[in-house]
């Protein structure tokens, strides 16, 4: 039997193709760097598979969307064998979320890679060991901190539907955000650090993948994504 976090409310099983379809459409619409990458490396016909109607019964279209997203987010192949659900996270779930590993997230969280710890550090604007952090990486940390605070309320209260992509190891307790890290940290910053609203208002929709593989939050496992974060 698949392990499923007790607090997470399942809505329905979904195919991985739907997760990829939503993920790539959101990235293309909201990330200039991702849009530039796609428009540089793929054809207009391919782009229509992102912007047009998604028929998840079309295996060729599904495979092409996977290739386009994989070209930018190579770690998605780690979760091809996961079982996927559409689900809703409540305030207790959100507080427990870890995030995909990257040097600056590890640094901002003091090594925990917990979204809530990152939000606390971002708000305080200080962290231990800053003097020993490489200059270029320090610039990324400052950029990310500023990004989190800018237009915080409007981004949290946006009426635009938003879903994050989360994975959980079968039999494990940690939920790890692989898409929507910024949105997750902002949620923690707004509700739990600044206490701007009742946390019970949180109803975060998610695609949750249950994978049989353990998820290690280490620089060795996640080094494949470092180049993405350097230009994000």
Protein backbone atom coordinates (compact mmCIF):
# COMPACT_ATOMS: atom_id res chain seq x y z
CA UNK A 1 0.00 0.00 0.00
CA UNK A 2 1.30 3.46 -0.87
CA UNK A 3 2.21 5.67 2.04
CA UNK A 4 0.22 8.87 1.99
CA UNK A 5 0.77 11.68 4.52
CA UNK A 6 -2.12 11.50 6.96
CA UNK A 7 -2.93 15.21 6.81
CA UNK A 8 -2.96 15.53 3.03
CA UNK A 9 -6.39 15.45 1.43
CA UNK A 10 -6.46 13.39 -1.76
CA UNK A 11 -8.75 14.51 -4.57
CA UNK A 12 -8.01 12.10 -7.43
CA UNK A 13 -5.32 10.05 -9.13
CA UNK A 14 -3.76 11.81 -12.11
CA UNK A 15 -1.44 10.70 -14.92
CA UNK A 16 2.13 12.03 -14.95
CA UNK A 17 1.30 13.56 -18.34
CA UNK A 18 -1.14 15.92 -16.62
CA UNK A 19 1.47 16.94 -14.06
CA UNK A 20 3.97 17.66 -16.85
CA UNK A 21 1.31 19.52 -18.85
CA UNK A 22 0.42 21.84 -15.99
CA UNK A 23 4.04 22.31 -14.94
CA UNK A 24 5.33 23.26 -18.39
CA UNK A 25 2.38 25.57 -19.12
CA UNK A 26 2.88 27.42 -15.82
CA UNK A 27 6.65 27.72 -16.43
CA UNK A 28 6.16 28.99 -19.97
CA UNK A 29 3.63 31.59 -18.85
CA UNK A 30 5.43 32.83 -15.75
CA UNK A 31 9.20 32.42 -16.28
CA UNK A 32 10.94 34.56 -18.88
CA UNK A 33 14.09 32.43 -18.76
CA UNK A 34 12.12 29.25 -19.36
CA UNK A 35 10.12 30.83 -22.20
CA UNK A 36 13.36 32.02 -23.85
CA UNK A 37 14.85 28.54 -23.53
CA UNK A 38 11.84 26.89 -25.18
CA UNK A 39 11.59 29.45 -27.98
CA UNK A 40 15.30 29.09 -28.69
CA UNK A 41 15.47 25.30 -28.76
CA UNK A 42 12.06 24.17 -30.01
CA UNK A 43 9.73 24.81 -32.95
CA UNK A 44 6.49 26.78 -33.08
CA UNK A 45 4.68 23.47 -33.48
CA UNK A 46 6.20 22.30 -30.21
CA UNK A 47 5.24 25.54 -28.48
CA UNK A 48 1.61 25.03 -29.48
CA UNK A 49 1.69 21.80 -27.46
CA UNK A 50 2.29 24.02 -24.43
CA UNK A 51 -0.02 26.92 -25.17
CA UNK A 52 -2.87 25.02 -26.83
CA UNK A 53 -5.36 22.45 -25.58
CA UNK A 54 -3.73 19.46 -23.86
CA UNK A 55 -5.17 16.11 -24.84
CA UNK A 56 -3.58 13.69 -22.37
CA UNK A 57 -4.77 10.76 -24.47
CA UNK A 58 -2.23 11.83 -27.13
CA UNK A 59 0.91 9.90 -26.22
CA UNK A 60 3.10 11.69 -28.78
CA UNK A 61 2.12 15.13 -27.49
CA UNK A 62 2.62 13.98 -23.90
CA UNK A 63 6.10 12.66 -24.73
CA UNK A 64 7.06 15.89 -26.47
CA UNK A 65 5.99 18.04 -23.53
CA UNK A 66 8.07 15.79 -21.29
CA UNK A 67 11.12 16.31 -23.51
CA UNK A 68 10.68 20.09 -23.51
CA UNK A 69 10.37 20.29 -19.73
CA UNK A 70 13.19 17.77 -19.20
CA UNK A 71 15.52 19.89 -21.35
CA UNK A 72 15.33 22.56 -18.65
CA UNK A 73 14.45 20.54 -15.53
CA UNK A 74 16.36 17.31 -16.01
CA UNK A 75 15.55 15.97 -12.57
CA UNK A 76 11.93 15.33 -13.61
CA UNK A 77 13.09 11.97 -14.96
CA UNK A 78 13.70 10.86 -11.36
CA UNK A 79 9.95 10.83 -10.78
CA UNK A 80 8.67 9.19 -13.96
CA UNK A 81 7.77 6.07 -11.99
CA UNK A 82 5.93 7.89 -9.18
CA UNK A 83 2.20 7.55 -8.63
CA UNK A 84 0.58 10.97 -8.84
CA UNK A 85 -2.37 12.53 -7.07
CA UNK A 86 -4.09 15.87 -7.12
CA UNK A 87 -4.30 16.85 -3.46
CA UNK A 88 -4.74 19.73 -1.04
CA UNK A 89 -2.26 20.69 1.68
CA UNK A 90 -3.44 22.35 4.88
CA UNK A 91 -1.48 24.67 7.18
CA UNK A 92 0.25 21.81 9.02
CA UNK A 93 1.36 20.24 5.74
CA UNK A 94 2.75 23.54 4.45
CA UNK A 95 4.80 24.10 7.60
CA UNK A 96 6.52 20.75 7.08
CA UNK A 97 7.47 21.26 3.44
CA UNK A 98 11.08 20.88 2.37
CA UNK A 99 12.32 22.25 -0.95
CA UNK A 100 14.42 20.98 -3.81
CA UNK A 101 18.10 21.25 -2.92
CA UNK A 102 20.18 24.19 -4.14
CA UNK A 103 23.18 25.83 -2.44
CA UNK A 104 21.32 29.04 -1.67
CA UNK A 105 18.28 27.26 -0.26
CA UNK A 106 20.53 25.16 1.94
CA UNK A 107 22.31 28.30 3.10
CA UNK A 108 19.16 30.35 3.74
CA UNK A 109 17.65 27.48 5.74
CA UNK A 110 20.87 26.80 7.72
CA UNK A 111 20.97 23.35 6.16
CA UNK A 112 17.42 22.14 6.79
CA UNK A 113 16.03 23.08 3.31
CA UNK A 114 12.69 23.66 5.05
CA UNK A 115 10.53 26.32 3.40
CA UNK A 116 9.56 27.79 6.76
CA UNK A 117 13.20 28.12 7.84
CA UNK A 118 14.01 29.89 4.58
CA UNK A 119 11.10 32.29 5.14
CA UNK A 120 12.32 33.10 8.66
CA UNK A 121 15.83 33.86 7.41
CA UNK A 122 14.53 35.97 4.52
CA UNK A 123 12.49 38.07 6.94
CA UNK A 124 15.35 38.54 9.38
CA UNK A 125 17.79 39.39 6.61
CA UNK A 126 20.66 37.70 8.40
CA UNK A 127 22.13 34.25 8.71
CA UNK A 128 25.11 32.57 10.29
CA UNK A 129 28.29 32.04 8.30
CA UNK A 130 27.58 34.78 5.76
CA UNK A 131 31.18 35.95 5.82
CA UNK A 132 32.39 32.57 4.55
CA UNK A 133 29.86 32.28 1.72
CA UNK A 134 31.33 32.70 -1.81
CA UNK A 135 30.79 36.21 -3.22
CA UNK A 136 28.87 35.14 -6.33
CA UNK A 137 26.64 32.76 -4.37
CA UNK A 138 26.06 35.50 -1.81
CA UNK A 139 24.61 37.63 -4.60
CA UNK A 140 22.12 34.85 -5.37
CA UNK A 141 21.12 34.69 -1.72
CA UNK A 142 20.49 38.46 -1.62
CA UNK A 143 18.58 38.32 -4.92
CA UNK A 144 16.36 35.48 -3.69
CA UNK A 145 15.67 37.24 -0.39
CA UNK A 146 14.59 40.39 -2.20
CA UNK A 147 12.48 38.39 -4.65
CA UNK A 148 10.56 36.75 -1.80
CA UNK A 149 9.58 40.05 -0.20
CA UNK A 150 8.67 41.99 -3.36
CA UNK A 151 4.91 42.34 -3.87
CA UNK A 152 4.37 39.61 -1.30
CA UNK A 153 0.70 40.24 -0.55
CA UNK A 154 -0.38 40.54 -4.20
CA UNK A 155 1.40 37.32 -5.07
CA UNK A 156 -0.03 35.40 -2.13
CA UNK A 157 -3.54 36.74 -2.67
CA UNK A 158 -3.49 36.36 -6.44
CA UNK A 159 -6.73 34.99 -7.85
CA UNK A 160 -4.80 33.07 -10.50
CA UNK A 161 -5.01 29.35 -9.82
CA UNK A 162 -1.67 27.96 -8.70
CA UNK A 163 -0.58 24.39 -8.04
CA UNK A 164 2.78 23.26 -6.68
CA UNK A 165 4.44 19.94 -7.50
CA UNK A 166 5.51 17.90 -4.48
CA UNK A 167 7.09 14.47 -4.04
CA UNK A 168 7.07 12.10 -1.10
CA UNK A 169 9.07 8.92 -0.62
CA UNK A 170 6.94 5.82 -0.08
CA UNK A 171 7.10 5.19 3.65
CA UNK A 172 8.75 8.54 4.34
CA UNK A 173 7.48 11.57 6.20
CA UNK A 174 8.92 14.50 4.22
CA UNK A 175 7.11 16.35 1.46
CA UNK A 176 9.53 17.99 -0.97
CA UNK A 177 8.57 20.80 -3.34
CA UNK A 178 10.15 20.33 -6.79
CA UNK A 179 8.17 23.09 -8.51
CA UNK A 180 6.77 26.14 -6.75
CA UNK A 181 9.56 26.74 -4.23
CA UNK A 182 9.19 30.53 -4.35
CA UNK A 183 5.42 30.29 -3.96
CA UNK A 184 5.83 27.97 -0.99
CA UNK A 185 8.37 30.16 0.80
CA UNK A 186 6.19 33.22 0.22
CA UNK A 187 3.23 31.36 1.71
CA UNK A 188 5.28 30.57 4.82
CA UNK A 189 6.54 34.15 5.00
CA UNK A 190 3.05 35.63 4.75
CA UNK A 191 1.11 33.25 7.01
CA UNK A 192 3.61 31.96 9.56
CA UNK A 193 6.37 34.56 9.82
CA UNK A 194 4.47 37.82 9.33
CA UNK A 195 1.15 36.39 10.59
CA UNK A 196 -0.82 38.42 8.08
CA UNK A 197 -3.75 36.02 7.99
CA UNK A 198 -5.14 32.98 9.74
CA UNK A 199 -3.08 29.95 8.64
CA UNK A 200 -6.28 27.93 8.50
CA UNK A 201 -7.12 29.91 5.36
CA UNK A 202 -4.38 28.00 3.55
CA UNK A 203 -5.68 25.51 1.03
CA UNK A 204 -2.71 24.81 -1.22
CA UNK A 205 -3.48 22.67 -4.24
CA UNK A 206 -0.72 20.32 -5.27
CA UNK A 207 0.25 17.52 -7.55
CA UNK A 208 1.77 14.98 -5.17
CA UNK A 209 3.93 12.14 -6.44
CA UNK A 210 4.60 9.09 -4.29
CA UNK A 211 7.95 7.52 -5.22
CA UNK A 212 9.55 4.31 -3.90
CA UNK A 213 12.96 6.00 -3.84
CA UNK A 214 14.27 7.84 -0.77
CA UNK A 215 14.69 11.58 -1.18
CA UNK A 216 18.03 12.78 0.12
CA UNK A 217 18.47 16.49 0.67
CA UNK A 218 22.14 16.65 -0.23
CA UNK A 219 24.21 18.70 -2.65
CA UNK A 220 25.42 15.48 -4.29
CA UNK A 221 21.93 14.31 -5.25
CA UNK A 222 20.69 17.69 -6.41
CA UNK A 223 23.86 18.93 -8.15
CA UNK A 224 22.13 18.36 -11.48
CA UNK A 225 19.97 21.44 -10.85
CA UNK A 226 22.74 23.81 -9.76
CA UNK A 227 23.20 25.28 -13.23
CA UNK A 228 19.50 26.16 -13.38
CA UNK A 229 19.61 28.04 -10.10
CA UNK A 230 22.72 29.96 -11.18
CA UNK A 231 20.67 31.62 -13.93
CA UNK A 232 17.22 31.67 -12.31
